[in-house]
């Protein structure tokens, strides 16, 4: 599993890189003030991490992540290889303060997190905005919070 930080991921070559890395199942950390959209057919899948992380991270003040009908985030596993717990949180989508996640459709499924802290399909920090509508589906996700 590889993590990619893309600055300026909202347009031009940065946006093209974000789409390409996402299609290869890499974790995206967006750091821009604009919008990134997972369009129909976009799939982020099969990510396993021995450390905390997320398939998508909206970091900083202002990023907007849109997930459209027909897009998918699936098979994300956050746990150490030997079955130990991840020391901090793990998520499919993490939305930081000042960022927005609009799930207008699509699917977030099969997210399995073993963590000593927080974890889950969608995690929004205080001050973040999450809107879920349309044919959006979030299912078959587990988070086993375990003390460390």
Protein backbone atom coordinates (compact mmCIF):
# COMPACT_ATOMS: atom_id res chain seq x y z
CA UNK A 1 0.00 0.00 0.00
CA UNK A 2 1.31 3.41 -0.92
CA UNK A 3 0.20 6.83 0.27
CA UNK A 4 0.29 9.79 -2.08
CA UNK A 5 0.09 13.45 -1.01
CA UNK A 6 -0.94 15.63 -3.91
CA UNK A 7 -0.80 19.38 -3.55
CA UNK A 8 -2.86 21.27 -6.09
CA UNK A 9 -4.98 18.17 -6.72
CA UNK A 10 -8.06 20.06 -7.84
CA UNK A 11 -7.10 20.78 -11.45
CA UNK A 12 -4.56 20.24 -14.18
CA UNK A 13 -1.77 17.74 -13.72
CA UNK A 14 -2.47 17.44 -9.98
CA UNK A 15 -6.06 16.32 -10.67
CA UNK A 16 -4.86 13.88 -13.34
CA UNK A 17 -2.34 12.42 -10.88
CA UNK A 18 -5.04 12.08 -8.19
CA UNK A 19 -7.32 10.16 -10.59
CA UNK A 20 -4.48 7.89 -11.74
CA UNK A 21 -3.23 7.07 -8.23
CA UNK A 22 -6.79 6.46 -6.99
CA UNK A 23 -7.44 4.07 -9.89
CA UNK A 24 -4.37 2.08 -8.78
CA UNK A 25 -5.73 1.75 -5.24
CA UNK A 26 -3.34 4.18 -3.59
CA UNK A 27 -4.31 6.28 -0.60
CA UNK A 28 -4.92 9.91 -1.50
CA UNK A 29 -4.25 12.83 0.80
CA UNK A 30 -5.61 15.95 -0.86
CA UNK A 31 -4.15 19.28 0.07
CA UNK A 32 -5.86 21.96 -1.96
CA UNK A 33 -8.58 24.54 -1.55
CA UNK A 34 -10.73 23.30 -4.41
CA UNK A 35 -12.89 20.31 -5.31
CA UNK A 36 -12.07 16.71 -6.19
CA UNK A 37 -14.84 14.43 -7.51
CA UNK A 38 -14.95 10.64 -7.62
CA UNK A 39 -17.06 10.17 -10.76
CA UNK A 40 -19.04 7.13 -11.84
CA UNK A 41 -16.70 4.19 -12.35
CA UNK A 42 -13.99 5.54 -10.01
CA UNK A 43 -12.88 2.82 -7.59
CA UNK A 44 -10.50 3.05 -4.64
CA UNK A 45 -10.00 -0.46 -3.30
CA UNK A 46 -7.82 -3.09 -1.67
CA UNK A 47 -5.85 -0.85 0.67
CA UNK A 48 -4.24 -2.43 3.72
CA UNK A 49 -2.32 -0.30 6.20
CA UNK A 50 -0.35 -1.23 9.30
CA UNK A 51 -0.62 2.38 10.37
CA UNK A 52 -3.53 4.77 10.64
CA UNK A 53 -4.74 6.34 7.50
CA UNK A 54 -7.59 6.78 5.10
CA UNK A 55 -8.39 6.10 1.47
CA UNK A 56 -9.27 9.80 1.13
CA UNK A 57 -8.19 12.61 3.42
CA UNK A 58 -9.47 16.17 2.98
CA UNK A 59 -6.83 18.14 4.82
CA UNK A 60 -6.75 21.84 5.50
CA UNK A 61 -9.38 24.49 5.23
CA UNK A 62 -11.50 24.42 2.13
CA UNK A 63 -11.14 21.11 0.23
CA UNK A 64 -14.37 19.61 -1.06
CA UNK A 65 -14.60 15.90 -1.87
CA UNK A 66 -17.58 14.79 -3.97
CA UNK A 67 -18.53 11.16 -4.44
CA UNK A 68 -20.98 10.53 -7.30
CA UNK A 69 -23.28 7.65 -8.11
CA UNK A 70 -21.33 4.68 -9.47
CA UNK A 71 -18.11 5.43 -7.57
CA UNK A 72 -16.78 3.08 -4.91
CA UNK A 73 -14.43 2.91 -1.93
CA UNK A 74 -14.10 -0.70 -0.82
CA UNK A 75 -11.88 -3.27 0.89
CA UNK A 76 -9.94 -0.93 3.18
CA UNK A 77 -8.21 -2.67 6.09
CA UNK A 78 -6.46 -0.84 8.90
CA UNK A 79 -4.60 -3.20 11.20
CA UNK A 80 -1.05 -4.28 11.84
CA UNK A 81 0.01 -7.32 9.85
CA UNK A 82 0.28 -9.53 12.92
CA UNK A 83 -3.25 -8.65 14.05
CA UNK A 84 -2.24 -5.95 16.53
CA UNK A 85 -4.27 -2.79 16.73
CA UNK A 86 -3.55 0.37 14.82
CA UNK A 87 -2.46 2.99 17.37
CA UNK A 88 -4.49 5.83 15.91
CA UNK A 89 -7.59 6.04 13.77
CA UNK A 90 -8.23 4.51 10.38
CA UNK A 91 -11.00 5.51 7.99
CA UNK A 92 -12.25 5.18 4.44
CA UNK A 93 -12.81 8.95 4.32
CA UNK A 94 -11.40 11.48 6.80
CA UNK A 95 -12.68 15.04 6.62
CA UNK A 96 -10.72 17.63 8.60
CA UNK A 97 -11.90 20.91 10.07
CA UNK A 98 -13.02 23.31 7.33
CA UNK A 99 -13.39 20.58 4.68
CA UNK A 100 -16.53 19.11 3.08
CA UNK A 101 -17.52 15.60 1.96
CA UNK A 102 -20.58 15.32 -0.32
CA UNK A 103 -21.60 11.72 -0.89
CA UNK A 104 -24.26 12.13 -3.59
CA UNK A 105 -24.16 8.47 -4.45
CA UNK A 106 -21.76 5.59 -4.70
CA UNK A 107 -20.67 3.02 -2.16
CA UNK A 108 -18.38 2.78 0.84
CA UNK A 109 -18.16 -0.88 1.84
CA UNK A 110 -16.04 -3.57 3.46
CA UNK A 111 -14.05 -1.26 5.69
CA UNK A 112 -12.38 -3.16 8.56
CA UNK A 113 -10.48 -1.19 11.18
CA UNK A 114 -8.84 -2.54 14.35
CA UNK A 115 -7.82 0.53 16.29
CA UNK A 116 -6.98 1.72 19.77
CA UNK A 117 -8.73 5.02 19.06
CA UNK A 118 -11.30 6.06 16.45
CA UNK A 119 -12.08 4.46 13.13
CA UNK A 120 -14.84 3.87 10.65
CA UNK A 121 -16.21 4.47 7.17
CA UNK A 122 -16.48 8.28 7.37
CA UNK A 123 -14.89 10.40 10.09
CA UNK A 124 -15.49 14.13 10.30
CA UNK A 125 -13.57 16.36 12.68
CA UNK A 126 -15.32 19.22 14.47
CA UNK A 127 -15.96 21.96 11.94
CA UNK A 128 -16.14 19.58 8.98
CA UNK A 129 -19.25 19.17 6.83
CA UNK A 130 -20.62 15.81 5.64
CA UNK A 131 -23.66 15.54 3.34
CA UNK A 132 -25.00 12.11 2.35
CA UNK A 133 -27.84 11.94 -0.19
CA UNK A 134 -29.11 10.28 -3.36
CA UNK A 135 -28.31 6.59 -3.79
CA UNK A 136 -25.34 6.68 -1.39
CA UNK A 137 -24.67 3.38 0.39
CA UNK A 138 -22.46 2.76 3.42
CA UNK A 139 -22.49 -0.87 4.56
CA UNK A 140 -20.58 -3.90 5.86
CA UNK A 141 -18.09 -1.82 7.83
CA UNK A 142 -16.57 -2.75 11.19
CA UNK A 143 -14.47 -0.89 13.69
CA UNK A 144 -13.09 -2.82 16.65
CA UNK A 145 -11.95 -0.27 19.21
CA UNK A 146 -9.41 -1.97 21.44
CA UNK A 147 -7.45 -0.48 24.32
CA UNK A 148 -3.69 -0.33 23.87
